[in-house]
Amino acid sequence: ERWQRNLAVALGNARRAWLAQGALVYAPEKVGLIEAALQQRL
C-alpha cells in the first residue's frame, strides 16, 4: 500500500512536470500515459 502511495505521488509530480513543459512535442503524450495509468487503477 505504501509502495503504491509513493508511486502515485511520484506520478503526480511527473504529470505536473510534463504539463509545465507542454511546448515540447512529447509532453502531451507523456501526460496522457500517466493520466490513463492512474485512472486505470483507481
PDB file of all heavy atoms in Angstrom:
ATOM      1  N   GLU A   1       0.827  -1.210   0.000  1.00  0.00           N
ATOM      2  CA  GLU A   1       0.000   0.000   0.000  1.00  0.00           C
ATOM      3  C   GLU A   1       0.859   1.256   0.000  1.00  0.00           C
ATOM      4  O   GLU A   1       0.622   2.190  -0.788  1.00  0.00           O
ATOM      5  CB  GLU A   1      -0.935   0.010   1.207  1.00  0.00           C
ATOM      6  CG  GLU A   1      -1.877   1.214   1.221  1.00  0.00           C
ATOM      7  CD  GLU A   1      -2.834   1.203   2.391  1.00  0.00           C
ATOM      8  OE1 GLU A   1      -2.352   1.023   3.530  1.00  0.00           O
ATOM      9  OE2 GLU A   1      -4.048   1.384   2.185  1.00  0.00           O
ATOM     10  N   ARG A   2       1.864   1.306   0.870  1.00  0.00           N
ATOM     11  CA  ARG A   2       2.732   2.484   0.895  1.00  0.00           C
ATOM     12  C   ARG A   2       3.528   2.598  -0.404  1.00  0.00           C
ATOM     13  O   ARG A   2       3.833   3.704  -0.871  1.00  0.00           O
ATOM     14  CB  ARG A   2       3.672   2.428   2.102  1.00  0.00           C
ATOM     15  CG  ARG A   2       3.076   3.044   3.350  1.00  0.00           C
ATOM     16  CD  ARG A   2       4.072   3.066   4.486  1.00  0.00           C
ATOM     17  NE  ARG A   2       4.031   1.849   5.280  1.00  0.00           N
ATOM     18  CZ  ARG A   2       4.825   1.598   6.309  1.00  0.00           C
ATOM     19  NH1 ARG A   2       5.758   2.464   6.651  1.00  0.00           N
ATOM     20  NH2 ARG A   2       4.708   0.475   6.996  1.00  0.00           N
ATOM     21  N   TRP A   3       3.893   1.461  -0.973  1.00  0.00           N
ATOM     22  CA  TRP A   3       4.587   1.444  -2.266  1.00  0.00           C
ATOM     23  C   TRP A   3       3.732   2.147  -3.325  1.00  0.00           C
ATOM     24  O   TRP A   3       4.210   3.021  -4.054  1.00  0.00           O
ATOM     25  CB  TRP A   3       4.860  -0.002  -2.652  1.00  0.00           C
ATOM     26  CG  TRP A   3       5.392  -0.249  -4.022  1.00  0.00           C
ATOM     27  CD1 TRP A   3       4.722  -0.791  -5.084  1.00  0.00           C
ATOM     28  CD2 TRP A   3       6.725  -0.020  -4.493  1.00  0.00           C
ATOM     29  NE1 TRP A   3       5.531  -0.894  -6.171  1.00  0.00           N
ATOM     30  CE2 TRP A   3       6.777  -0.430  -5.837  1.00  0.00           C
ATOM     31  CE3 TRP A   3       7.876   0.504  -3.902  1.00  0.00           C
ATOM     32  CZ2 TRP A   3       7.940  -0.347  -6.616  1.00  0.00           C
ATOM     33  CZ3 TRP A   3       9.039   0.604  -4.669  1.00  0.00           C
ATOM     34  CH2 TRP A   3       9.058   0.183  -6.003  1.00  0.00           C
ATOM     35  N   GLN A   4       2.450   1.781  -3.398  1.00  0.00           N
ATOM     36  CA  GLN A   4       1.549   2.409  -4.364  1.00  0.00           C
ATOM     37  C   GLN A   4       1.331   3.892  -4.047  1.00  0.00           C
ATOM     38  O   GLN A   4       1.268   4.726  -4.956  1.00  0.00           O
ATOM     39  CB  GLN A   4       0.210   1.679  -4.370  1.00  0.00           C
ATOM     40  CG  GLN A   4       0.248   0.322  -5.044  1.00  0.00           C
ATOM     41  CD  GLN A   4      -1.158  -0.182  -5.287  1.00  0.00           C
ATOM     42  OE1 GLN A   4      -1.975  -0.274  -4.368  1.00  0.00           O
ATOM     43  NE2 GLN A   4      -1.459  -0.499  -6.523  1.00  0.00           N
ATOM     44  N   ARG A   5       1.194   4.209  -2.766  1.00  0.00           N
ATOM     45  CA  ARG A   5       1.039   5.611  -2.358  1.00  0.00           C
ATOM     46  C   ARG A   5       2.202   6.456  -2.861  1.00  0.00           C
ATOM     47  O   ARG A   5       2.009   7.536  -3.444  1.00  0.00           O
ATOM     48  CB  ARG A   5       0.954   5.690  -0.833  1.00  0.00           C
ATOM     49  CG  ARG A   5       0.877   7.088  -0.256  1.00  0.00           C
ATOM     50  CD  ARG A   5       1.316   7.114   1.206  1.00  0.00           C
ATOM     51  NE  ARG A   5       2.722   6.737   1.368  1.00  0.00           N
ATOM     52  CZ  ARG A   5       3.329   6.596   2.540  1.00  0.00           C
ATOM     53  NH1 ARG A   5       2.652   6.772   3.663  1.00  0.00           N
ATOM     54  NH2 ARG A   5       4.609   6.252   2.602  1.00  0.00           N
ATOM     55  N   ASN A   6       3.422   5.959  -2.650  1.00  0.00           N
ATOM     56  CA  ASN A   6       4.610   6.698  -3.073  1.00  0.00           C
ATOM     57  C   ASN A   6       4.655   6.864  -4.583  1.00  0.00           C
ATOM     58  O   ASN A   6       5.025   7.927  -5.100  1.00  0.00           O
ATOM     59  CB  ASN A   6       5.874   5.968  -2.596  1.00  0.00           C
ATOM     60  CG  ASN A   6       5.980   5.908  -1.081  1.00  0.00           C
ATOM     61  OD1 ASN A   6       5.269   6.608  -0.366  1.00  0.00           O
ATOM     62  ND2 ASN A   6       6.873   5.066  -0.591  1.00  0.00           N
ATOM     63  N   LEU A   7       4.279   5.808  -5.303  1.00  0.00           N
ATOM     64  CA  LEU A   7       4.287   5.881  -6.761  1.00  0.00           C
ATOM     65  C   LEU A   7       3.235   6.852  -7.275  1.00  0.00           C
ATOM     66  O   LEU A   7       3.472   7.581  -8.251  1.00  0.00           O
ATOM     67  CB  LEU A   7       4.054   4.488  -7.356  1.00  0.00           C
ATOM     68  CG  LEU A   7       5.280   3.577  -7.366  1.00  0.00           C
ATOM     69  CD1 LEU A   7       4.875   2.127  -7.565  1.00  0.00           C
ATOM     70  CD2 LEU A   7       6.247   4.012  -8.460  1.00  0.00           C
ATOM     71  N   ALA A   8       2.071   6.886  -6.623  1.00  0.00           N
ATOM     72  CA  ALA A   8       1.030   7.823  -7.034  1.00  0.00           C
ATOM     73  C   ALA A   8       1.525   9.267  -6.911  1.00  0.00           C
ATOM     74  O   ALA A   8       1.312  10.091  -7.801  1.00  0.00           O
ATOM     75  CB  ALA A   8      -0.230   7.617  -6.196  1.00  0.00           C
ATOM     76  N   VAL A   9       2.199   9.574  -5.811  1.00  0.00           N
ATOM     77  CA  VAL A   9       2.742  10.917  -5.614  1.00  0.00           C
ATOM     78  C   VAL A   9       3.788  11.224  -6.689  1.00  0.00           C
ATOM     79  O   VAL A   9       3.786  12.306  -7.295  1.00  0.00           O
ATOM     80  CB  VAL A   9       3.359  11.051  -4.210  1.00  0.00           C
ATOM     81  CG1 VAL A   9       4.130  12.362  -4.081  1.00  0.00           C
ATOM     82  CG2 VAL A   9       2.268  10.984  -3.147  1.00  0.00           C
ATOM     83  N   ALA A  10       4.684  10.281  -6.943  1.00  0.00           N
ATOM     84  CA  ALA A  10       5.736  10.498  -7.932  1.00  0.00           C
ATOM     85  C   ALA A  10       5.141  10.672  -9.331  1.00  0.00           C
ATOM     86  O   ALA A  10       5.603  11.520 -10.117  1.00  0.00           O
ATOM     87  CB  ALA A  10       6.722   9.328  -7.918  1.00  0.00           C
ATOM     88  N   LEU A  11       4.127   9.895  -9.658  1.00  0.00           N
ATOM     89  CA  LEU A  11       3.475  10.039 -10.968  1.00  0.00           C
ATOM     90  C   LEU A  11       2.766  11.384 -11.078  1.00  0.00           C
ATOM     91  O   LEU A  11       2.762  12.019 -12.136  1.00  0.00           O
ATOM     92  CB  LEU A  11       2.483   8.890 -11.193  1.00  0.00           C
ATOM     93  CG  LEU A  11       3.127   7.546 -11.569  1.00  0.00           C
ATOM     94  CD1 LEU A  11       2.108   6.417 -11.444  1.00  0.00           C
ATOM     95  CD2 LEU A  11       3.692   7.604 -12.989  1.00  0.00           C
ATOM     96  N   GLY A  12       2.157  11.837  -9.980  1.00  0.00           N
ATOM     97  CA  GLY A  12       1.539  13.166  -9.990  1.00  0.00           C
ATOM     98  C   GLY A  12       2.567  14.255 -10.232  1.00  0.00           C
ATOM     99  O   GLY A  12       2.316  15.218 -10.970  1.00  0.00           O
ATOM    100  N   ASN A  13       3.736  14.109  -9.638  1.00  0.00           N
ATOM    101  CA  ASN A  13       4.803  15.092  -9.848  1.00  0.00           C
ATOM    102  C   ASN A  13       5.334  15.034 -11.272  1.00  0.00           C
ATOM    103  O   ASN A  13       5.669  16.065 -11.862  1.00  0.00           O
ATOM    104  CB  ASN A  13       5.928  14.864  -8.839  1.00  0.00           C
ATOM    105  CG  ASN A  13       5.530  15.269  -7.430  1.00  0.00           C
ATOM    106  OD1 ASN A  13       4.753  16.206  -7.232  1.00  0.00           O
ATOM    107  ND2 ASN A  13       6.043  14.562  -6.434  1.00  0.00           N
ATOM    108  N   ALA A  14       5.421  13.811 -11.831  1.00  0.00           N
ATOM    109  CA  ALA A  14       5.850  13.680 -13.221  1.00  0.00           C
ATOM    110  C   ALA A  14       4.830  14.325 -14.150  1.00  0.00           C
ATOM    111  O   ALA A  14       5.191  15.035 -15.105  1.00  0.00           O
ATOM    112  CB  ALA A  14       6.036  12.207 -13.575  1.00  0.00           C
ATOM    113  N   ARG A  15       3.553  14.095 -13.879  1.00  0.00           N
ATOM    114  CA  ARG A  15       2.492  14.704 -14.697  1.00  0.00           C
ATOM    115  C   ARG A  15       2.603  16.217 -14.684  1.00  0.00           C
ATOM    116  O   ARG A  15       2.523  16.880 -15.729  1.00  0.00           O
ATOM    117  CB  ARG A  15       1.127  14.260 -14.154  1.00  0.00           C
ATOM    118  CG  ARG A  15      -0.071  14.959 -14.778  1.00  0.00           C
ATOM    119  CD  ARG A  15      -1.377  14.470 -14.150  1.00  0.00           C
ATOM    120  NE  ARG A  15      -2.502  15.284 -14.601  1.00  0.00           N
ATOM    121  CZ  ARG A  15      -2.900  16.403 -14.012  1.00  0.00           C
ATOM    122  NH1 ARG A  15      -2.255  16.840 -12.916  1.00  0.00           N
ATOM    123  NH2 ARG A  15      -3.925  17.069 -14.479  1.00  0.00           N
ATOM    124  N   ARG A  16       2.801  16.787 -13.496  1.00  0.00           N
ATOM    125  CA  ARG A  16       2.923  18.243 -13.397  1.00  0.00           C
ATOM    126  C   ARG A  16       4.165  18.756 -14.115  1.00  0.00           C
ATOM    127  O   ARG A  16       4.147  19.825 -14.726  1.00  0.00           O
ATOM    128  CB  ARG A  16       2.958  18.652 -11.916  1.00  0.00           C
ATOM    129  CG  ARG A  16       1.601  18.561 -11.222  1.00  0.00           C
ATOM    130  CD  ARG A  16       1.736  18.589  -9.701  1.00  0.00           C
ATOM    131  NE  ARG A  16       0.437  18.688  -9.039  1.00  0.00           N
ATOM    132  CZ  ARG A  16      -0.408  17.676  -8.892  1.00  0.00           C
ATOM    133  NH1 ARG A  16      -0.088  16.471  -9.348  1.00  0.00           N
ATOM    134  NH2 ARG A  16      -1.572  17.846  -8.283  1.00  0.00           N
ATOM    135  N   ALA A  17       5.241  17.982 -14.041  1.00  0.00           N
ATOM    136  CA  ALA A  17       6.476  18.391 -14.712  1.00  0.00           C
ATOM    137  C   ALA A  17       6.284  18.408 -16.226  1.00  0.00           C
ATOM    138  O   ALA A  17       6.736  19.339 -16.914  1.00  0.00           O
ATOM    139  CB  ALA A  17       7.615  17.448 -14.333  1.00  0.00           C
ATOM    140  N   TRP A  18       5.607  17.384 -16.751  1.00  0.00           N
ATOM    141  CA  TRP A  18       5.383  17.356 -18.198  1.00  0.00           C
ATOM    142  C   TRP A  18       4.392  18.427 -18.627  1.00  0.00           C
ATOM    143  O   TRP A  18       4.524  19.009 -19.715  1.00  0.00           O
ATOM    144  CB  TRP A  18       4.900  15.974 -18.633  1.00  0.00           C
ATOM    145  CG  TRP A  18       5.928  14.890 -18.501  1.00  0.00           C
ATOM    146  CD1 TRP A  18       5.823  13.737 -17.794  1.00  0.00           C
ATOM    147  CD2 TRP A  18       7.232  14.857 -19.082  1.00  0.00           C
ATOM    148  NE1 TRP A  18       6.967  12.985 -17.882  1.00  0.00           N
ATOM    149  CE2 TRP A  18       7.852  13.644 -18.683  1.00  0.00           C
ATOM    150  CE3 TRP A  18       7.946  15.728 -19.908  1.00  0.00           C
ATOM    151  CZ2 TRP A  18       9.133  13.287 -19.074  1.00  0.00           C
ATOM    152  CZ3 TRP A  18       9.230  15.376 -20.298  1.00  0.00           C
ATOM    153  CH2 TRP A  18       9.812  14.178 -19.888  1.00  0.00           C
ATOM    154  N   LEU A  19       3.386  18.708 -17.805  1.00  0.00           N
ATOM    155  CA  LEU A  19       2.443  19.791 -18.126  1.00  0.00           C
ATOM    156  C   LEU A  19       3.169  21.131 -18.204  1.00  0.00           C
ATOM    157  O   LEU A  19       2.863  21.977 -19.048  1.00  0.00           O
ATOM    158  CB  LEU A  19       1.335  19.861 -17.081  1.00  0.00           C
ATOM    159  CG  LEU A  19       0.235  18.804 -17.175  1.00  0.00           C
ATOM    160  CD1 LEU A  19      -0.683  18.879 -15.957  1.00  0.00           C
ATOM    161  CD2 LEU A  19      -0.572  18.984 -18.457  1.00  0.00           C
ATOM    162  N   ALA A  20       4.137  21.307 -17.315  1.00  0.00           N
ATOM    163  CA  ALA A  20       4.910  22.554 -17.320  1.00  0.00           C
ATOM    164  C   ALA A  20       5.791  22.675 -18.550  1.00  0.00           C
ATOM    165  O   ALA A  20       6.240  23.771 -18.897  1.00  0.00           O
ATOM    166  CB  ALA A  20       5.771  22.627 -16.057  1.00  0.00           C
ATOM    167  N   GLN A  21       6.039  21.547 -19.213  1.00  0.00           N
ATOM    168  CA  GLN A  21       6.844  21.557 -20.430  1.00  0.00           C
ATOM    169  C   GLN A  21       5.968  21.285 -21.639  1.00  0.00           C
ATOM    170  O   GLN A  21       6.381  20.660 -22.608  1.00  0.00           O
ATOM    171  CB  GLN A  21       7.951  20.502 -20.325  1.00  0.00           C
ATOM    172  CG  GLN A  21       8.880  20.707 -19.138  1.00  0.00           C
ATOM    173  CD  GLN A  21       9.939  19.622 -19.031  1.00  0.00           C
ATOM    174  OE1 GLN A  21      10.500  19.190 -20.021  1.00  0.00           O
ATOM    175  NE2 GLN A  21      10.198  19.177 -17.812  1.00  0.00           N
ATOM    176  N   GLY A  22       4.748  21.777 -21.597  1.00  0.00           N
ATOM    177  CA  GLY A  22       3.748  21.489 -22.620  1.00  0.00           C
ATOM    178  C   GLY A  22       4.149  21.852 -24.026  1.00  0.00           C
ATOM    179  O   GLY A  22       3.606  21.315 -24.994  1.00  0.00           O
ATOM    180  N   ALA A  23       5.094  22.771 -24.179  1.00  0.00           N
ATOM    181  CA  ALA A  23       5.530  23.162 -25.520  1.00  0.00           C
ATOM    182  C   ALA A  23       6.313  22.055 -26.209  1.00  0.00           C
ATOM    183  O   ALA A  23       6.463  22.037 -27.427  1.00  0.00           O
ATOM    184  CB  ALA A  23       6.379  24.430 -25.455  1.00  0.00           C
ATOM    185  N   LEU A  24       6.835  21.113 -25.435  1.00  0.00           N
ATOM    186  CA  LEU A  24       7.597  20.020 -26.016  1.00  0.00           C
ATOM    187  C   LEU A  24       6.661  19.047 -26.721  1.00  0.00           C
ATOM    188  O   LEU A  24       5.556  18.771 -26.260  1.00  0.00           O
ATOM    189  CB  LEU A  24       8.384  19.286 -24.929  1.00  0.00           C
ATOM    190  CG  LEU A  24       9.413  20.132 -24.159  1.00  0.00           C
ATOM    191  CD1 LEU A  24      10.061  19.297 -23.058  1.00  0.00           C
ATOM    192  CD2 LEU A  24      10.486  20.671 -25.093  1.00  0.00           C
ATOM    193  N   VAL A  25       7.096  18.523 -27.845  1.00  0.00           N
ATOM    194  CA  VAL A  25       6.247  17.674 -28.669  1.00  0.00           C
ATOM    195  C   VAL A  25       5.771  16.443 -27.905  1.00  0.00           C
ATOM    196  O   VAL A  25       4.614  16.030 -28.022  1.00  0.00           O
ATOM    197  CB  VAL A  25       7.016  17.237 -29.949  1.00  0.00           C
ATOM    198  CG1 VAL A  25       6.208  16.211 -30.739  1.00  0.00           C
ATOM    199  CG2 VAL A  25       7.346  18.441 -30.803  1.00  0.00           C
ATOM    200  N   TYR A  26       6.656  15.847 -27.094  1.00  0.00           N
ATOM    201  CA  TYR A  26       6.313  14.584 -26.447  1.00  0.00           C
ATOM    202  C   TYR A  26       5.625  14.771 -25.102  1.00  0.00           C
ATOM    203  O   TYR A  26       5.148  13.813 -24.501  1.00  0.00           O
ATOM    204  CB  TYR A  26       7.561  13.712 -26.262  1.00  0.00           C
ATOM    205  CG  TYR A  26       8.704  14.403 -25.591  1.00  0.00           C
ATOM    206  CD1 TYR A  26       8.793  14.480 -24.205  1.00  0.00           C
ATOM    207  CD2 TYR A  26       9.711  14.996 -26.348  1.00  0.00           C
ATOM    208  CE1 TYR A  26       9.847  15.124 -23.591  1.00  0.00           C
ATOM    209  CE2 TYR A  26      10.773  15.644 -25.742  1.00  0.00           C
ATOM    210  CZ  TYR A  26      10.837  15.706 -24.373  1.00  0.00           C
ATOM    211  OH  TYR A  26      11.876  16.349 -23.770  1.00  0.00           O
ATOM    212  N   ALA A  27       5.551  15.984 -24.593  1.00  0.00           N
ATOM    213  CA  ALA A  27       4.967  16.198 -23.271  1.00  0.00           C
ATOM    214  C   ALA A  27       3.496  15.783 -23.191  1.00  0.00           C
ATOM    215  O   ALA A  27       3.103  15.100 -22.240  1.00  0.00           O
ATOM    216  CB  ALA A  27       5.147  17.644 -22.834  1.00  0.00           C
ATOM    217  N   PRO A  28       2.626  16.178 -24.151  1.00  0.00           N
ATOM    218  CA  PRO A  28       1.221  15.753 -24.061  1.00  0.00           C
ATOM    219  C   PRO A  28       1.064  14.235 -24.054  1.00  0.00           C
ATOM    220  O   PRO A  28       0.198  13.692 -23.357  1.00  0.00           O
ATOM    221  CB  PRO A  28       0.601  16.366 -25.320  1.00  0.00           C
ATOM    222  CG  PRO A  28       1.477  17.535 -25.645  1.00  0.00           C
ATOM    223  CD  PRO A  28       2.858  17.093 -25.281  1.00  0.00           C
ATOM    224  N   GLU A  29       1.890  13.536 -24.807  1.00  0.00           N
ATOM    225  CA  GLU A  29       1.827  12.085 -24.823  1.00  0.00           C
ATOM    226  C   GLU A  29       2.196  11.516 -23.455  1.00  0.00           C
ATOM    227  O   GLU A  29       1.545  10.595 -22.948  1.00  0.00           O
ATOM    228  CB  GLU A  29       2.771  11.531 -25.887  1.00  0.00           C
ATOM    229  CG  GLU A  29       2.782  10.014 -25.950  1.00  0.00           C
ATOM    230  CD  GLU A  29       3.789   9.482 -26.952  1.00  0.00           C
ATOM    231  OE1 GLU A  29       4.331  10.275 -27.732  1.00  0.00           O
ATOM    232  OE2 GLU A  29       4.037   8.248 -26.926  1.00  0.00           O
ATOM    233  N   LYS A  30       3.233  12.064 -22.837  1.00  0.00           N
ATOM    234  CA  LYS A  30       3.644  11.613 -21.513  1.00  0.00           C
ATOM    235  C   LYS A  30       2.529  11.836 -20.498  1.00  0.00           C
ATOM    236  O   LYS A  30       2.225  10.961 -19.684  1.00  0.00           O
ATOM    237  CB  LYS A  30       4.897  12.378 -21.071  1.00  0.00           C
ATOM    238  CG  LYS A  30       6.136  12.121 -21.909  1.00  0.00           C
ATOM    239  CD  LYS A  30       6.902  10.940 -21.375  1.00  0.00           C
ATOM    240  CE  LYS A  30       8.283  10.844 -22.008  1.00  0.00           C
ATOM    241  NZ  LYS A  30       9.043   9.699 -21.505  1.00  0.00           N
ATOM    242  N   VAL A  31       1.922  13.013 -20.535  1.00  0.00           N
ATOM    243  CA  VAL A  31       0.843  13.329 -19.604  1.00  0.00           C
ATOM    244  C   VAL A  31      -0.321  12.370 -19.795  1.00  0.00           C
ATOM    245  O   VAL A  31      -0.897  11.852 -18.824  1.00  0.00           O
ATOM    246  CB  VAL A  31       0.382  14.782 -19.784  1.00  0.00           C
ATOM    247  CG1 VAL A  31      -0.880  15.053 -18.959  1.00  0.00           C
ATOM    248  CG2 VAL A  31       1.489  15.750 -19.380  1.00  0.00           C
ATOM    249  N   GLY A  32      -0.654  12.087 -21.033  1.00  0.00           N
ATOM    250  CA  GLY A  32      -1.758  11.181 -21.323  1.00  0.00           C
ATOM    251  C   GLY A  32      -1.522   9.783 -20.802  1.00  0.00           C
ATOM    252  O   GLY A  32      -2.437   9.143 -20.254  1.00  0.00           O
ATOM    253  N   LEU A  33      -0.315   9.294 -20.949  1.00  0.00           N
ATOM    254  CA  LEU A  33       0.010   7.956 -20.462  1.00  0.00           C
ATOM    255  C   LEU A  33      -0.110   7.873 -18.946  1.00  0.00           C
ATOM    256  O   LEU A  33      -0.636   6.896 -18.399  1.00  0.00           O
ATOM    257  CB  LEU A  33       1.426   7.579 -20.898  1.00  0.00           C
ATOM    258  CG  LEU A  33       1.627   7.235 -22.371  1.00  0.00           C
ATOM    259  CD1 LEU A  33       3.110   7.084 -22.684  1.00  0.00           C
ATOM    260  CD2 LEU A  33       0.882   5.953 -22.734  1.00  0.00           C
ATOM    261  N   ILE A  34       0.380   8.904 -18.272  1.00  0.00           N
ATOM    262  CA  ILE A  34       0.313   8.915 -16.810  1.00  0.00           C
ATOM    263  C   ILE A  34      -1.135   8.974 -16.343  1.00  0.00           C
ATOM    264  O   ILE A  34      -1.546   8.221 -15.451  1.00  0.00           O
ATOM    265  CB  ILE A  34       1.120  10.103 -16.248  1.00  0.00           C
ATOM    266  CG1 ILE A  34       2.626   9.871 -16.456  1.00  0.00           C
ATOM    267  CG2 ILE A  34       0.822  10.304 -14.751  1.00  0.00           C
ATOM    268  CD1 ILE A  34       3.483  11.061 -16.097  1.00  0.00           C
ATOM    269  N   GLU A  35      -1.921   9.853 -16.942  1.00  0.00           N
ATOM    270  CA  GLU A  35      -3.317  10.003 -16.519  1.00  0.00           C
ATOM    271  C   GLU A  35      -4.105   8.718 -16.761  1.00  0.00           C
ATOM    272  O   GLU A  35      -4.914   8.303 -15.922  1.00  0.00           O
ATOM    273  CB  GLU A  35      -3.953  11.178 -17.248  1.00  0.00           C
ATOM    274  CG  GLU A  35      -3.404  12.529 -16.791  1.00  0.00           C
ATOM    275  CD  GLU A  35      -4.050  13.705 -17.499  1.00  0.00           C
ATOM    276  OE1 GLU A  35      -4.707  13.485 -18.539  1.00  0.00           O
ATOM    277  OE2 GLU A  35      -3.892  14.837 -17.003  1.00  0.00           O
ATOM    278  N   ALA A  36      -3.864   8.064 -17.897  1.00  0.00           N
ATOM    279  CA  ALA A  36      -4.567   6.813 -18.186  1.00  0.00           C
ATOM    280  C   ALA A  36      -4.186   5.725 -17.190  1.00  0.00           C
ATOM    281  O   ALA A  36      -5.039   4.959 -16.726  1.00  0.00           O
ATOM    282  CB  ALA A  36      -4.250   6.364 -19.619  1.00  0.00           C
ATOM    283  N   ALA A  37      -2.902   5.676 -16.835  1.00  0.00           N
ATOM    284  CA  ALA A  37      -2.439   4.669 -15.884  1.00  0.00           C
ATOM    285  C   ALA A  37      -3.047   4.897 -14.508  1.00  0.00           C
ATOM    286  O   ALA A  37      -3.482   3.943 -13.836  1.00  0.00           O
ATOM    287  CB  ALA A  37      -0.914   4.695 -15.810  1.00  0.00           C
ATOM    288  N   LEU A  38      -3.091   6.129 -14.073  1.00  0.00           N
ATOM    289  CA  LEU A  38      -3.662   6.441 -12.762  1.00  0.00           C
ATOM    290  C   LEU A  38      -5.159   6.125 -12.743  1.00  0.00           C
ATOM    291  O   LEU A  38      -5.679   5.527 -11.784  1.00  0.00           O
ATOM    292  CB  LEU A  38      -3.418   7.916 -12.430  1.00  0.00           C
ATOM    293  CG  LEU A  38      -1.964   8.312 -12.135  1.00  0.00           C
ATOM    294  CD1 LEU A  38      -1.820   9.834 -12.120  1.00  0.00           C
ATOM    295  CD2 LEU A  38      -1.498   7.731 -10.805  1.00  0.00           C
ATOM    296  N   GLN A  39      -5.869   6.513 -13.796  1.00  0.00           N
ATOM    297  CA  GLN A  39      -7.309   6.249 -13.867  1.00  0.00           C
ATOM    298  C   GLN A  39      -7.598   4.756 -13.898  1.00  0.00           C
ATOM    299  O   GLN A  39      -8.576   4.293 -13.291  1.00  0.00           O
ATOM    300  CB  GLN A  39      -7.885   6.912 -15.117  1.00  0.00           C
ATOM    301  CG  GLN A  39      -7.926   8.429 -15.083  1.00  0.00           C
ATOM    302  CD  GLN A  39      -9.112   8.971 -14.289  1.00  0.00           C
ATOM    303  OE1 GLN A  39      -9.858   8.215 -13.675  1.00  0.00           O
ATOM    304  NE2 GLN A  39      -9.278  10.287 -14.311  1.00  0.00           N
ATOM    305  N   GLN A  40      -6.755   4.000 -14.570  1.00  0.00           N
ATOM    306  CA  GLN A  40      -6.986   2.569 -14.734  1.00  0.00           C
ATOM    307  C   GLN A  40      -7.017   1.825 -13.406  1.00  0.00           C
ATOM    308  O   GLN A  40      -7.808   0.899 -13.211  1.00  0.00           O
ATOM    309  CB  GLN A  40      -5.905   1.972 -15.633  1.00  0.00           C
ATOM    310  CG  GLN A  40      -6.086   0.487 -15.932  1.00  0.00           C
ATOM    311  CD  GLN A  40      -5.040  -0.034 -16.897  1.00  0.00           C
ATOM    312  OE1 GLN A  40      -4.467   0.714 -17.684  1.00  0.00           O
ATOM    313  NE2 GLN A  40      -4.778  -1.332 -16.845  1.00  0.00           N
ATOM    314  N   ARG A  41      -6.192   2.246 -12.470  1.00  0.00           N
ATOM    315  CA  ARG A  41      -6.100   1.518 -11.202  1.00  0.00           C
ATOM    316  C   ARG A  41      -6.958   2.120 -10.095  1.00  0.00           C
ATOM    317  O   ARG A  41      -7.047   1.548  -8.998  1.00  0.00           O
ATOM    318  CB  ARG A  41      -4.639   1.438 -10.753  1.00  0.00           C
ATOM    319  CG  ARG A  41      -3.763   0.597 -11.683  1.00  0.00           C
ATOM    320  CD  ARG A  41      -2.407   0.305 -11.084  1.00  0.00           C
ATOM    321  NE  ARG A  41      -2.475  -0.516  -9.879  1.00  0.00           N
ATOM    322  CZ  ARG A  41      -2.590  -1.835  -9.873  1.00  0.00           C
ATOM    323  NH1 ARG A  41      -2.670  -2.503 -11.007  1.00  0.00           N
ATOM    324  NH2 ARG A  41      -2.639  -2.504  -8.731  1.00  0.00           N
ATOM    325  N   LEU A  42      -7.596   3.257 -10.366  1.00  0.00           N
ATOM    326  CA  LEU A  42      -8.415   3.898  -9.335  1.00  0.00           C
ATOM    327  C   LEU A  42      -9.450   2.963  -8.699  1.00  0.00           C
ATOM    328  O   LEU A  42      -9.620   2.966  -7.476  1.00  0.00           O
ATOM    329  CB  LEU A  42      -9.109   5.132  -9.906  1.00  0.00           C
ATOM    330  CG  LEU A  42      -8.505   6.490  -9.576  1.00  0.00           C
ATOM    331  CD1 LEU A  42      -9.267   7.602 -10.278  1.00  0.00           C
ATOM    332  CD2 LEU A  42      -8.484   6.730  -8.069  1.00  0.00           C
TER     333      LEU A  42
END
